C-alpha atoms as a PDB file:
ATOM      1  CA  MET A   1    -133.851-216.725 227.303  1.00  0.00           C
ATOM      2  CA  ASN A   2    -131.061-214.478 226.045  1.00  0.00           C
ATOM      3  CA  ASP A   3    -130.136-211.754 228.991  1.00  0.00           C
ATOM      4  CA  GLU A   4    -128.342-209.720 226.205  1.00  0.00           C
ATOM      5  CA  ILE A   5    -130.364-206.500 224.540  1.00  0.00           C
ATOM      6  CA  ASN A   6    -128.678-206.270 221.275  1.00  0.00           C
ATOM      7  CA  LEU A   7    -129.347-202.322 221.791  1.00  0.00           C
ATOM      8  CA  PRO A   8    -125.888-200.026 220.593  1.00  0.00           C
ATOM      9  CA  GLN A   9    -125.470-196.864 222.376  1.00  0.00           C
ATOM     10  CA  GLY A  10    -126.002-195.309 218.935  1.00  0.00           C
ATOM     11  CA  ARG A  11    -123.362-192.482 217.615  1.00  0.00           C
ATOM     12  CA  GLN A  12    -126.539-189.841 218.564  1.00  0.00           C
ATOM     13  CA  VAL A  13    -126.195-190.365 221.888  1.00  0.00           C
ATOM     14  CA  ALA A  14    -122.510-190.706 222.312  1.00  0.00           C
ATOM     15  CA  MET A  15    -121.982-187.252 220.186  1.00  0.00           C
ATOM     16  CA  ALA A  16    -124.240-185.978 222.599  1.00  0.00           C
ATOM     17  CA  GLY A  17    -122.458-186.973 225.249  1.00  0.00           C
ATOM     18  CA  ILE A  18    -119.389-185.982 224.498  1.00  0.00           C
ATOM     19  CA  ILE A  19    -119.385-182.844 222.907  1.00  0.00           C
ATOM     20  CA  GLY A  20    -122.315-181.363 225.866  1.00  0.00           C
ATOM     21  CA  ALA A  21    -119.900-182.600 228.570  1.00  0.00           C
ATOM     22  CA  PHE A  22    -116.765-180.450 226.636  1.00  0.00           C
ATOM     23  CA  PHE A  23    -119.268-177.787 226.313  1.00  0.00           C
ATOM     24  CA  GLY A  24    -120.281-178.516 229.892  1.00  0.00           C
ATOM     25  CA  ILE A  25    -117.077-177.652 231.315  1.00  0.00           C
ATOM     26  CA  ALA A  26    -115.785-175.319 229.063  1.00  0.00           C
ATOM     27  CA  PRO A  27    -116.432-172.883 231.609  1.00  0.00           C
ATOM     28  CA  ALA A  28    -114.278-174.255 234.031  1.00  0.00           C
ATOM     29  CA  SER A  29    -111.288-173.570 231.918  1.00  0.00           C
ATOM     30  CA  LEU A  30    -111.204-169.576 232.974  1.00  0.00           C
ATOM     31  CA  LEU A  31    -110.451-171.127 236.369  1.00  0.00           C
ATOM     32  CA  LEU A  32    -107.569-172.277 234.855  1.00  0.00           C
ATOM     33  CA  LEU A  33    -106.570-168.892 232.716  1.00  0.00           C
ATOM     34  CA  CYS A  34    -107.709-166.131 235.165  1.00  0.00           C
ATOM     35  CA  THR A  35    -107.005-165.645 238.773  1.00  0.00           C
ATOM     36  CA  LYS A  36    -109.202-162.146 239.130  1.00  0.00           C
ATOM     37  CA  PRO A  37    -112.700-161.470 237.992  1.00  0.00           C
ATOM     38  CA  LEU A  38    -112.938-160.723 234.086  1.00  0.00           C
ATOM     39  CA  LEU A  39    -116.370-157.962 234.220  1.00  0.00           C
ATOM     40  CA  PRO A  40    -117.630-156.650 236.779  1.00  0.00           C
ATOM     41  CA  LYS A  41    -120.034-158.607 239.333  1.00  0.00           C
ATOM     42  CA  ALA A  42    -123.451-158.045 237.331  1.00  0.00           C
ATOM     43  CA  ALA A  43    -121.972-159.179 233.743  1.00  0.00           C
ATOM     44  CA  SER A  44    -120.530-162.500 235.428  1.00  0.00           C
ATOM     45  CA  ILE A  45    -123.668-163.247 236.916  1.00  0.00           C
ATOM     46  CA  ILE A  46    -125.128-162.550 233.473  1.00  0.00           C
ATOM     47  CA  LEU A  47    -122.458-164.497 231.588  1.00  0.00           C
ATOM     48  CA  PHE A  48    -122.394-167.670 233.328  1.00  0.00           C
ATOM     49  CA  THR A  49    -126.205-167.961 234.311  1.00  0.00           C
ATOM     50  CA  GLY A  50    -126.622-167.440 230.544  1.00  0.00           C
ATOM     51  CA  TYR A  51    -124.021-169.216 229.518  1.00  0.00           C
ATOM     52  CA  ALA A  52    -125.572-172.428 232.048  1.00  0.00           C
ATOM     53  CA  VAL A  53    -129.463-171.770 230.633  1.00  0.00           C
ATOM     54  CA  LEU A  54    -128.616-170.536 226.996  1.00  0.00           C
ATOM     55  CA  ILE A  55    -125.558-172.834 225.784  1.00  0.00           C
ATOM     56  CA  GLY A  56    -126.824-175.767 228.190  1.00  0.00           C
ATOM     57  CA  TRP A  57    -130.269-176.122 227.164  1.00  0.00           C
ATOM     58  CA  PRO A  58    -129.696-177.608 222.803  1.00  0.00           C
ATOM     59  CA  PHE A  59    -126.979-179.839 224.377  1.00  0.00           C
ATOM     60  CA  THR A  60    -128.799-181.118 227.456  1.00  0.00           C
ATOM     61  CA  TYR A  61    -132.006-181.460 224.973  1.00  0.00           C
ATOM     62  CA  TRP A  62    -129.749-183.124 222.263  1.00  0.00           C
ATOM     63  CA  TRP A  63    -128.936-185.424 224.611  1.00  0.00           C
ATOM     64  CA  SER A  64    -131.588-186.875 226.376  1.00  0.00           C
ATOM     65  CA  LYS A  65    -133.554-186.812 222.978  1.00  0.00           C
ATOM     66  CA  SER A  66    -130.772-189.278 222.009  1.00  0.00           C
ATOM     67  CA  ILE A  67    -131.275-191.240 225.463  1.00  0.00           C
ATOM     68  CA  HIS A  68    -134.952-191.616 225.015  1.00  0.00           C
ATOM     69  CA  ASP A  69    -134.912-192.444 221.514  1.00  0.00           C
ATOM     70  CA  ARG A  70    -132.968-195.189 222.547  1.00  0.00           C
ATOM     71  CA  ILE A  71    -135.341-195.788 225.148  1.00  0.00           C
ATOM     72  CA  ASN A  72    -137.929-196.083 222.568  1.00  0.00           C
ATOM     73  CA  GLU A  73    -136.168-198.614 220.719  1.00  0.00           C
ATOM     74  CA  LEU A  74    -135.948-201.139 223.798  1.00  0.00           C
ATOM     75  CA  HIS A  75    -139.295-200.634 224.277  1.00  0.00           C
ATOM     76  CA  SER A  76    -139.786-202.355 220.690  1.00  0.00           C
ATOM     77  CA  GLN A  77    -137.234-205.197 221.184  1.00  0.00           C
ATOM     78  CA  LEU A  78    -138.658-206.355 224.345  1.00  0.00           C
ATOM     79  CA  GLU A  79    -142.227-206.470 223.247  1.00  0.00           C
ATOM     80  CA  LYS A  80    -141.132-208.143 220.463  1.00  0.00           C
ATOM     81  CA  ARG A  81    -139.584-210.635 222.833  1.00  0.00           C
ATOM     82  CA  ASN A  82    -142.774-210.624 224.841  1.00  0.00           C
ATOM     83  CA  GLU A  83    -140.519-209.460 227.303  1.00  0.00           C
ATOM     84  CA  LEU A  84    -142.687-206.667 228.898  1.00  0.00           C
ATOM     85  CA  ASP A  85    -143.726-206.554 232.338  1.00  0.00           C
ATOM     86  CA  PRO A  86    -147.633-205.848 232.222  1.00  0.00           C
ATOM     87  CA  ILE A  87    -147.172-202.437 233.191  1.00  0.00           C
ATOM     88  CA  GLU A  88    -145.037-201.883 230.910  1.00  0.00           C
ATOM     89  CA  ARG A  89    -146.646-202.824 227.799  1.00  0.00           C
ATOM     90  CA  ASP A  90    -148.682-199.894 227.828  1.00  0.00           C
ATOM     91  CA  TYR A  91    -145.807-197.707 228.765  1.00  0.00           C
ATOM     92  CA  LEU A  92    -144.187-195.770 225.887  1.00  0.00           C
ATOM     93  CA  PRO A  93    -142.145-192.973 227.296  1.00  0.00           C
ATOM     94  CA  ARG A  94    -143.474-190.292 225.035  1.00  0.00           C
ATOM     95  CA  ARG A  95    -142.671-186.659 225.773  1.00  0.00           C
ATOM     96  CA  VAL A  96    -143.972-183.553 225.630  1.00  0.00           C
ATOM     97  CA  PRO A  97    -140.876-181.531 224.690  1.00  0.00           C
ATOM     98  CA  TRP A  98    -141.297-178.316 226.174  1.00  0.00           C
ATOM     99  CA  MET A  99    -141.838-179.323 229.799  1.00  0.00           C
ATOM    100  CA  PRO A 100    -138.600-180.852 230.284  1.00  0.00           C
ATOM    101  CA  ALA A 101    -136.836-178.175 228.234  1.00  0.00           C
ATOM    102  CA  TRP A 102    -138.264-175.458 230.786  1.00  0.00           C
ATOM    103  CA  LEU A 103    -137.562-177.488 233.753  1.00  0.00           C
ATOM    104  CA  GLY A 104    -134.145-177.871 232.832  1.00  0.00           C
ATOM    105  CA  ILE A 105    -133.920-174.350 232.109  1.00  0.00           C
ATOM    106  CA  PHE A 106    -134.643-173.585 235.415  1.00  0.00           C
ATOM    107  CA  GLU A 107    -132.731-175.840 237.356  1.00  0.00           C
ATOM    108  CA  ARG A 108    -129.280-175.063 235.370  1.00  0.00           C
ATOM    109  CA  LEU A 109    -130.340-171.115 236.311  1.00  0.00           C
ATOM    110  CA  PHE A 110    -130.778-172.450 239.972  1.00  0.00           C
ATOM    111  CA  TYR A 111    -127.921-175.182 240.209  1.00  0.00           C
ATOM    112  CA  CYS A 112    -125.570-172.101 238.842  1.00  0.00           C
ATOM    113  CA  LEU A 113    -126.740-169.476 241.624  1.00  0.00           C
ATOM    114  CA  LEU A 114    -126.673-171.705 244.297  1.00  0.00           C
ATOM    115  CA  VAL A 115    -123.281-172.759 243.790  1.00  0.00           C
ATOM    116  CA  GLY A 116    -122.039-169.148 242.393  1.00  0.00           C
ATOM    117  CA  PHE A 117    -123.163-167.705 245.509  1.00  0.00           C
ATOM    118  CA  ASP A 118    -122.093-170.240 248.022  1.00  0.00           C
ATOM    119  CA  ILE A 119    -125.979-170.976 249.155  1.00  0.00           C
ATOM    120  CA  ALA A 120    -125.454-173.209 252.471  1.00  0.00           C
ATOM    121  CA  SER A 121    -126.691-176.883 251.531  1.00  0.00           C
ATOM    122  CA  GLY A 122    -127.014-176.208 248.018  1.00  0.00           C
ATOM    123  CA  ALA A 123    -125.445-179.127 247.207  1.00  0.00           C
ATOM    124  CA  THR A 124    -128.124-181.016 249.045  1.00  0.00           C
ATOM    125  CA  PHE A 125    -130.935-179.393 247.905  1.00  0.00           C
ATOM    126  CA  ILE A 126    -129.888-180.639 244.296  1.00  0.00           C
ATOM    127  CA  GLY A 127    -129.926-184.362 245.442  1.00  0.00           C
ATOM    128  CA  VAL A 128    -133.118-184.041 247.427  1.00  0.00           C
ATOM    129  CA  TRP A 129    -134.642-182.425 244.072  1.00  0.00           C
ATOM    130  CA  ILE A 130    -133.038-184.937 241.719  1.00  0.00           C
ATOM    131  CA  GLY A 131    -134.279-187.910 244.048  1.00  0.00           C
ATOM    132  CA  ILE A 132    -138.092-186.057 244.079  1.00  0.00           C
ATOM    133  CA  LYS A 133    -137.887-186.572 240.291  1.00  0.00           C
ATOM    134  CA  VAL A 134    -136.488-189.968 240.509  1.00  0.00           C
ATOM    135  CA  ALA A 135    -139.565-190.940 243.317  1.00  0.00           C
ATOM    136  CA  GLY A 136    -141.857-190.015 240.116  1.00  0.00           C
ATOM    137  CA  GLY A 137    -141.438-192.512 237.979  1.00  0.00           C
ATOM    138  CA  TRP A 138    -140.967-195.082 241.008  1.00  0.00           C
ATOM    139  CA  GLN A 139    -143.668-197.302 239.756  1.00  0.00           C
ATOM    140  CA  LEU A 140    -142.047-198.556 236.556  1.00  0.00           C
ATOM    141  CA  MET A 141    -138.859-198.479 237.756  1.00  0.00           C
ATOM    142  CA  SER A 142    -139.054-200.553 240.952  1.00  0.00           C
ATOM    143  CA  LYS A 143    -139.855-203.490 238.844  1.00  0.00           C
ATOM    144  CA  GLY A 144    -136.318-203.721 238.571  1.00  0.00           C
ATOM    145  CA  THR A 145    -136.682-205.131 235.132  1.00  0.00           C
ATOM    146  CA  THR A 146    -135.135-203.910 231.998  1.00  0.00           C
ATOM    147  CA  LEU A 147    -137.194-201.284 230.872  1.00  0.00           C
ATOM    148  CA  GLY A 148    -137.515-199.923 233.823  1.00  0.00           C
ATOM    149  CA  ARG A 149    -133.825-199.508 235.078  1.00  0.00           C
ATOM    150  CA  ALA A 150    -133.549-198.049 231.494  1.00  0.00           C
ATOM    151  CA  VAL A 151    -135.504-195.630 231.834  1.00  0.00           C
ATOM    152  CA  LEU A 152    -134.283-194.550 235.373  1.00  0.00           C
ATOM    153  CA  PHE A 153    -130.869-194.155 233.865  1.00  0.00           C
ATOM    154  CA  SER A 154    -131.885-192.401 231.078  1.00  0.00           C
ATOM    155  CA  GLY A 155    -133.239-189.502 233.221  1.00  0.00           C
ATOM    156  CA  LEU A 156    -130.217-189.285 235.152  1.00  0.00           C
ATOM    157  CA  LEU A 157    -128.069-189.088 232.276  1.00  0.00           C
ATOM    158  CA  GLY A 158    -130.063-186.812 231.406  1.00  0.00           C
ATOM    159  CA  ASN A 159    -130.265-184.612 234.189  1.00  0.00           C
ATOM    160  CA  ALA A 160    -126.533-185.303 234.839  1.00  0.00           C
ATOM    161  CA  MET A 161    -125.885-182.723 231.930  1.00  0.00           C
ATOM    162  CA  SER A 162    -128.134-180.153 233.451  1.00  0.00           C
ATOM    163  CA  VAL A 163    -126.424-180.318 237.034  1.00  0.00           C
ATOM    164  CA  LEU A 164    -122.830-179.814 234.544  1.00  0.00           C
ATOM    165  CA  PHE A 165    -123.881-177.104 233.020  1.00  0.00           C
ATOM    166  CA  GLY A 166    -125.231-175.866 235.773  1.00  0.00           C
ATOM    167  CA  VAL A 167    -122.395-176.689 238.824  1.00  0.00           C
ATOM    168  CA  ALA A 168    -119.109-175.922 236.174  1.00  0.00           C
ATOM    169  CA  CYS A 169    -120.885-172.514 235.499  1.00  0.00           C
ATOM    170  CA  GLY A 170    -121.643-171.732 239.658  1.00  0.00           C
ATOM    171  CA  LEU A 171    -118.230-172.267 240.060  1.00  0.00           C
ATOM    172  CA  VAL A 172    -116.683-170.286 238.178  1.00  0.00           C
ATOM    173  CA  LEU A 173    -119.400-167.443 239.295  1.00  0.00           C
ATOM    174  CA  LYS A 174    -118.179-168.064 242.201  1.00  0.00           C
ATOM    175  CA  GLN A 175    -114.919-167.482 241.999  1.00  0.00           C
ATOM    176  CA  PHE A 176    -115.248-164.667 240.027  1.00  0.00           C
ATOM    177  CA  LEU A 177    -117.659-162.648 242.669  1.00  0.00           C
END
């Protein structure tokens, strides 16, 4: 049995990650260019939370969809090789696209506001929230199988893009308030 799974990352995953990360950190360039707030406080709040939510949504969605497409391919390869755990045979990570999209919108908004207003224990809340999300899929992930680990990491990668947009915009907002 060969331990390697021939599942390339794929061009779409790479492009979504690179372009999404670029746009995620783009607001931080304002910290290098400006030392004083550019706008009144209310406008800054609207601008940076809006950026985290509205600009972050398509990039996070594209990134997550690209990764989940690869997970589906991995499932197919493991199924052909008869290497799926019994619990994984019936598992196919189907998505209801609007649910994670709305969850991501609220997460990015909340992350931006927690960081922007320098809320005590904001980072702790973000870490606990991610832990709760990971715990939701623990039954599959705790098996330590190839598919279980891939599903865990795909969830973490998708969440990382949301955190990037929310925290980067929050840091800029914090500086400008």
